[in-house]
N, C-alpha and C. Protein backbone atom coordinates (compact mmCIF):
# COMPACT_ATOMS: atom_id res chain seq x y z
N MET A 1 0.84 -1.18 0.00
CA MET A 1 0.00 0.00 0.00
C MET A 1 0.89 1.24 0.00
N ARG A 2 0.37 2.30 -0.57
CA ARG A 2 1.06 3.58 -0.64
C ARG A 2 0.21 4.67 -0.01
N TYR A 3 0.81 5.81 0.22
CA TYR A 3 0.12 6.93 0.85
C TYR A 3 0.09 8.11 -0.10
N TRP A 4 -1.07 8.76 -0.20
CA TRP A 4 -1.24 9.99 -0.97
C TRP A 4 -1.62 11.07 0.04
N HIS A 5 -0.84 12.14 0.09
CA HIS A 5 -1.03 13.19 1.09
C HIS A 5 -1.73 14.39 0.48
N ASP A 6 -2.71 14.92 1.16
CA ASP A 6 -3.39 16.14 0.73
C ASP A 6 -2.91 17.27 1.64
N VAL A 7 -2.04 18.11 1.09
CA VAL A 7 -1.40 19.18 1.88
C VAL A 7 -2.44 20.12 2.48
N GLY A 8 -3.39 20.56 1.68
CA GLY A 8 -4.39 21.50 2.17
C GLY A 8 -5.27 20.92 3.24
N HIS A 9 -5.75 19.69 3.04
CA HIS A 9 -6.64 19.11 4.03
C HIS A 9 -5.90 18.75 5.32
N ALA A 10 -4.66 18.29 5.20
CA ALA A 10 -3.88 18.03 6.42
C ALA A 10 -3.66 19.32 7.20
N SER A 11 -3.37 20.40 6.49
CA SER A 11 -3.18 21.69 7.16
C SER A 11 -4.48 22.21 7.77
N LEU A 12 -5.58 21.98 7.08
CA LEU A 12 -6.88 22.36 7.62
C LEU A 12 -7.18 21.59 8.90
N GLN A 13 -6.91 20.29 8.90
CA GLN A 13 -7.11 19.49 10.11
C GLN A 13 -6.22 19.98 11.25
N GLU A 14 -5.00 20.41 10.90
CA GLU A 14 -4.11 20.96 11.92
C GLU A 14 -4.69 22.24 12.51
N LYS A 15 -5.20 23.12 11.66
CA LYS A 15 -5.81 24.36 12.16
C LYS A 15 -6.99 24.08 13.08
N LEU A 16 -7.69 22.98 12.82
CA LEU A 16 -8.85 22.61 13.64
C LEU A 16 -8.45 21.82 14.88
N GLY A 17 -7.15 21.52 15.02
CA GLY A 17 -6.66 20.79 16.19
C GLY A 17 -6.84 19.29 16.12
N VAL A 18 -7.09 18.75 14.94
CA VAL A 18 -7.33 17.31 14.79
C VAL A 18 -6.01 16.54 14.72
N CYS A 19 -5.02 17.07 14.01
CA CYS A 19 -3.74 16.37 13.85
C CYS A 19 -2.65 17.39 13.53
N TRP A 20 -1.43 16.92 13.39
CA TRP A 20 -0.29 17.76 12.99
C TRP A 20 0.13 17.33 11.61
N ALA A 21 0.01 18.23 10.63
CA ALA A 21 0.25 17.92 9.22
C ALA A 21 1.65 17.36 8.98
N ASP A 22 2.67 17.93 9.61
CA ASP A 22 4.03 17.48 9.36
C ASP A 22 4.27 16.07 9.89
N GLN A 23 3.51 15.65 10.90
CA GLN A 23 3.67 14.30 11.42
C GLN A 23 3.18 13.25 10.43
N TRP A 24 2.14 13.57 9.65
CA TRP A 24 1.69 12.66 8.60
C TRP A 24 2.83 12.40 7.62
N LEU A 25 3.46 13.49 7.18
CA LEU A 25 4.55 13.35 6.22
C LEU A 25 5.75 12.63 6.82
N ALA A 26 6.10 12.98 8.02
CA ALA A 26 7.25 12.33 8.66
C ALA A 26 7.01 10.83 8.84
N HIS A 27 5.81 10.48 9.24
CA HIS A 27 5.50 9.08 9.52
C HIS A 27 5.37 8.23 8.25
N TYR A 28 4.80 8.80 7.19
CA TYR A 28 4.50 8.03 5.99
C TYR A 28 5.37 8.37 4.79
N ALA A 29 6.42 9.15 4.96
CA ALA A 29 7.25 9.60 3.83
C ALA A 29 7.76 8.44 2.99
N GLU A 30 8.15 7.35 3.61
CA GLU A 30 8.69 6.22 2.84
C GLU A 30 7.63 5.53 1.98
N HIS A 31 6.35 5.77 2.28
CA HIS A 31 5.26 5.16 1.51
C HIS A 31 4.56 6.18 0.60
N LEU A 32 5.04 7.42 0.63
CA LEU A 32 4.38 8.50 -0.09
C LEU A 32 4.59 8.37 -1.60
N VAL A 33 3.50 8.40 -2.34
CA VAL A 33 3.59 8.32 -3.79
C VAL A 33 3.24 9.66 -4.44
N GLY A 34 2.43 10.49 -3.77
CA GLY A 34 2.05 11.77 -4.35
C GLY A 34 1.34 12.66 -3.36
N VAL A 35 1.13 13.90 -3.81
CA VAL A 35 0.46 14.89 -2.97
C VAL A 35 -0.50 15.74 -3.79
N ASN A 36 -1.58 16.12 -3.16
CA ASN A 36 -2.46 17.16 -3.69
C ASN A 36 -2.01 18.47 -3.06
N LEU A 37 -1.86 19.48 -3.89
CA LEU A 37 -1.36 20.77 -3.42
C LEU A 37 -2.44 21.82 -3.58
N HIS A 38 -2.85 22.40 -2.48
CA HIS A 38 -3.71 23.58 -2.51
C HIS A 38 -3.50 24.36 -1.23
N ASP A 39 -3.73 25.64 -1.32
CA ASP A 39 -3.49 26.55 -0.20
C ASP A 39 -4.78 26.75 0.59
N LEU A 40 -4.63 27.33 1.76
CA LEU A 40 -5.76 27.69 2.61
C LEU A 40 -5.77 29.20 2.81
N GLN A 41 -6.96 29.76 2.81
CA GLN A 41 -7.17 31.14 3.25
C GLN A 41 -8.11 31.01 4.44
N ASP A 42 -7.54 31.19 5.63
CA ASP A 42 -8.23 30.87 6.89
C ASP A 42 -8.63 29.40 6.85
N LEU A 43 -9.91 29.07 6.86
CA LEU A 43 -10.35 27.68 6.81
C LEU A 43 -10.92 27.30 5.45
N GLU A 44 -10.68 28.12 4.45
CA GLU A 44 -11.20 27.87 3.11
C GLU A 44 -10.10 27.24 2.25
N ALA A 45 -10.40 26.07 1.68
CA ALA A 45 -9.42 25.29 0.94
C ALA A 45 -9.51 25.54 -0.57
N TYR A 46 -8.60 24.89 -1.28
CA TYR A 46 -8.55 24.83 -2.74
C TYR A 46 -8.08 26.11 -3.42
N HIS A 47 -7.28 26.91 -2.73
CA HIS A 47 -6.69 28.09 -3.35
C HIS A 47 -5.35 27.70 -3.97
N PRO A 48 -4.94 28.35 -5.04
CA PRO A 48 -3.64 28.03 -5.65
C PRO A 48 -2.50 28.22 -4.63
N PRO A 49 -1.54 27.31 -4.62
CA PRO A 49 -0.38 27.48 -3.73
C PRO A 49 0.24 28.87 -3.91
N GLY A 50 0.55 29.49 -2.78
CA GLY A 50 1.14 30.81 -2.78
C GLY A 50 0.14 31.94 -2.63
N THR A 51 -1.15 31.60 -2.56
CA THR A 51 -2.17 32.65 -2.43
C THR A 51 -2.87 32.60 -1.08
N GLY A 52 -2.33 31.83 -0.15
CA GLY A 52 -2.99 31.68 1.14
C GLY A 52 -2.01 31.69 2.29
N ASP A 53 -2.31 30.89 3.30
CA ASP A 53 -1.62 30.93 4.58
C ASP A 53 -0.47 29.93 4.74
N LEU A 54 -0.34 28.97 3.84
CA LEU A 54 0.63 27.88 4.05
C LEU A 54 2.05 28.31 3.68
N GLU A 55 3.00 27.70 4.36
CA GLU A 55 4.44 27.96 4.15
C GLU A 55 4.97 26.92 3.18
N TRP A 56 4.98 27.25 1.90
CA TRP A 56 5.31 26.27 0.86
C TRP A 56 6.75 25.82 0.89
N GLU A 57 7.68 26.68 1.28
CA GLU A 57 9.08 26.26 1.38
C GLU A 57 9.22 25.13 2.40
N GLU A 58 8.55 25.28 3.53
CA GLU A 58 8.59 24.25 4.57
C GLU A 58 7.94 22.96 4.10
N ILE A 59 6.83 23.08 3.40
CA ILE A 59 6.12 21.89 2.91
C ILE A 59 6.99 21.13 1.92
N PHE A 60 7.56 21.84 0.94
CA PHE A 60 8.38 21.16 -0.06
C PHE A 60 9.66 20.59 0.55
N ALA A 61 10.15 21.17 1.62
CA ALA A 61 11.33 20.62 2.29
C ALA A 61 11.03 19.24 2.88
N GLN A 62 9.76 18.96 3.16
CA GLN A 62 9.37 17.67 3.73
C GLN A 62 9.03 16.62 2.67
N LEU A 63 8.83 17.07 1.43
CA LEU A 63 8.39 16.15 0.38
C LEU A 63 9.58 15.50 -0.32
N PRO A 64 9.59 14.18 -0.42
CA PRO A 64 10.61 13.55 -1.25
C PRO A 64 10.49 14.09 -2.68
N SER A 65 11.59 14.34 -3.34
CA SER A 65 11.57 15.00 -4.64
C SER A 65 10.85 14.19 -5.72
N GLU A 66 10.82 12.87 -5.58
CA GLU A 66 10.25 12.04 -6.65
C GLU A 66 8.73 11.86 -6.58
N VAL A 67 8.06 12.37 -5.56
CA VAL A 67 6.62 12.16 -5.46
C VAL A 67 5.87 12.97 -6.52
N LEU A 68 4.73 12.44 -6.94
CA LEU A 68 3.86 13.15 -7.88
C LEU A 68 3.23 14.34 -7.16
N LYS A 69 3.09 15.43 -7.88
CA LYS A 69 2.50 16.63 -7.30
C LYS A 69 1.36 17.10 -8.19
N VAL A 70 0.17 17.24 -7.60
CA VAL A 70 -1.02 17.60 -8.34
C VAL A 70 -1.62 18.86 -7.72
N LEU A 71 -1.86 19.88 -8.56
CA LEU A 71 -2.58 21.06 -8.08
C LEU A 71 -4.06 20.72 -7.98
N GLU A 72 -4.61 20.88 -6.81
CA GLU A 72 -6.04 20.62 -6.58
C GLU A 72 -6.66 21.95 -6.15
N ILE A 73 -7.10 22.72 -7.14
CA ILE A 73 -7.57 24.07 -6.85
C ILE A 73 -8.93 24.31 -7.47
N ARG A 74 -9.63 25.28 -6.90
CA ARG A 74 -10.93 25.69 -7.42
C ARG A 74 -10.74 26.47 -8.71
N PRO A 75 -11.77 26.53 -9.53
CA PRO A 75 -11.66 27.33 -10.76
C PRO A 75 -11.32 28.78 -10.43
N CYS A 76 -10.39 29.33 -11.21
CA CYS A 76 -9.98 30.71 -11.01
C CYS A 76 -9.36 31.21 -12.30
N GLU A 77 -8.94 32.45 -12.29
CA GLU A 77 -8.27 33.03 -13.45
C GLU A 77 -6.97 32.28 -13.73
N ALA A 78 -6.48 32.39 -14.94
CA ALA A 78 -5.29 31.65 -15.36
C ALA A 78 -4.03 32.09 -14.61
N GLU A 79 -3.86 33.38 -14.36
CA GLU A 79 -2.62 33.89 -13.79
C GLU A 79 -2.26 33.26 -12.43
N PRO A 80 -3.18 33.14 -11.46
CA PRO A 80 -2.81 32.49 -10.20
C PRO A 80 -2.42 31.01 -10.38
N VAL A 81 -3.01 30.36 -11.36
CA VAL A 81 -2.67 28.96 -11.62
C VAL A 81 -1.25 28.87 -12.18
N ILE A 82 -0.93 29.74 -13.12
CA ILE A 82 0.41 29.76 -13.69
C ILE A 82 1.44 30.08 -12.61
N GLU A 83 1.16 31.07 -11.77
CA GLU A 83 2.07 31.43 -10.69
C GLU A 83 2.24 30.28 -9.69
N ALA A 84 1.15 29.57 -9.38
CA ALA A 84 1.22 28.42 -8.46
C ALA A 84 2.09 27.32 -9.05
N ARG A 85 1.90 27.05 -10.35
CA ARG A 85 2.72 26.02 -11.00
C ARG A 85 4.19 26.41 -10.97
N GLU A 86 4.48 27.66 -11.28
CA GLU A 86 5.87 28.13 -11.27
C GLU A 86 6.48 28.04 -9.87
N LEU A 87 5.70 28.41 -8.85
CA LEU A 87 6.18 28.29 -7.46
C LEU A 87 6.51 26.83 -7.13
N CYS A 88 5.59 25.93 -7.45
CA CYS A 88 5.80 24.51 -7.13
C CYS A 88 6.96 23.92 -7.92
N GLU A 89 7.10 24.30 -9.18
CA GLU A 89 8.24 23.82 -9.97
C GLU A 89 9.56 24.32 -9.40
N SER A 90 9.59 25.58 -9.00
CA SER A 90 10.80 26.16 -8.42
C SER A 90 11.18 25.45 -7.12
N LEU A 91 10.19 25.23 -6.26
CA LEU A 91 10.46 24.56 -4.98
C LEU A 91 10.85 23.10 -5.20
N SER A 92 10.27 22.45 -6.20
CA SER A 92 10.64 21.07 -6.53
C SER A 92 12.10 21.00 -7.00
N GLN A 93 12.48 21.94 -7.86
CA GLN A 93 13.85 21.97 -8.34
C GLN A 93 14.84 22.22 -7.21
N SER A 94 14.47 23.11 -6.29
CA SER A 94 15.34 23.37 -5.14
C SER A 94 15.50 22.12 -4.30
N ARG A 95 14.42 21.39 -4.13
CA ARG A 95 14.46 20.15 -3.34
C ARG A 95 15.34 19.10 -4.04
N GLU A 96 15.20 18.97 -5.36
CA GLU A 96 16.01 18.02 -6.10
C GLU A 96 17.50 18.35 -5.99
N GLN A 97 17.83 19.63 -6.04
CA GLN A 97 19.23 20.04 -5.90
C GLN A 97 19.74 19.75 -4.50
N ALA A 98 18.88 19.90 -3.50
CA ALA A 98 19.30 19.61 -2.12
C ALA A 98 19.54 18.11 -1.95
N ASP A 99 18.74 17.29 -2.66
CA ASP A 99 18.88 15.84 -2.56
C ASP A 99 20.12 15.32 -3.29
N ALA A 100 20.61 16.11 -4.26
CA ALA A 100 21.73 15.64 -5.10
C ALA A 100 23.06 15.71 -4.38
């Protein structure tokens, strides 16, 4: 079995006091196959990464570089989606360089 992590929902659960998002990643990193990426604005999910409250540098530092990354965002204008993709690609490349 493998694990798929939802960054936004784990962070939302953390804000609600249900769990600690980083502990999910730490505990299941060796089984992690991919992640859904979306930001939070307060308790509202599905915003493009970089447009909300989450610390993306910290999140990407915890992600193994080889995992699949999927943007899971609500419909919006093209520009925030392009910026979110560029942010995630940049952070992925930084992570790959750190792993090398």
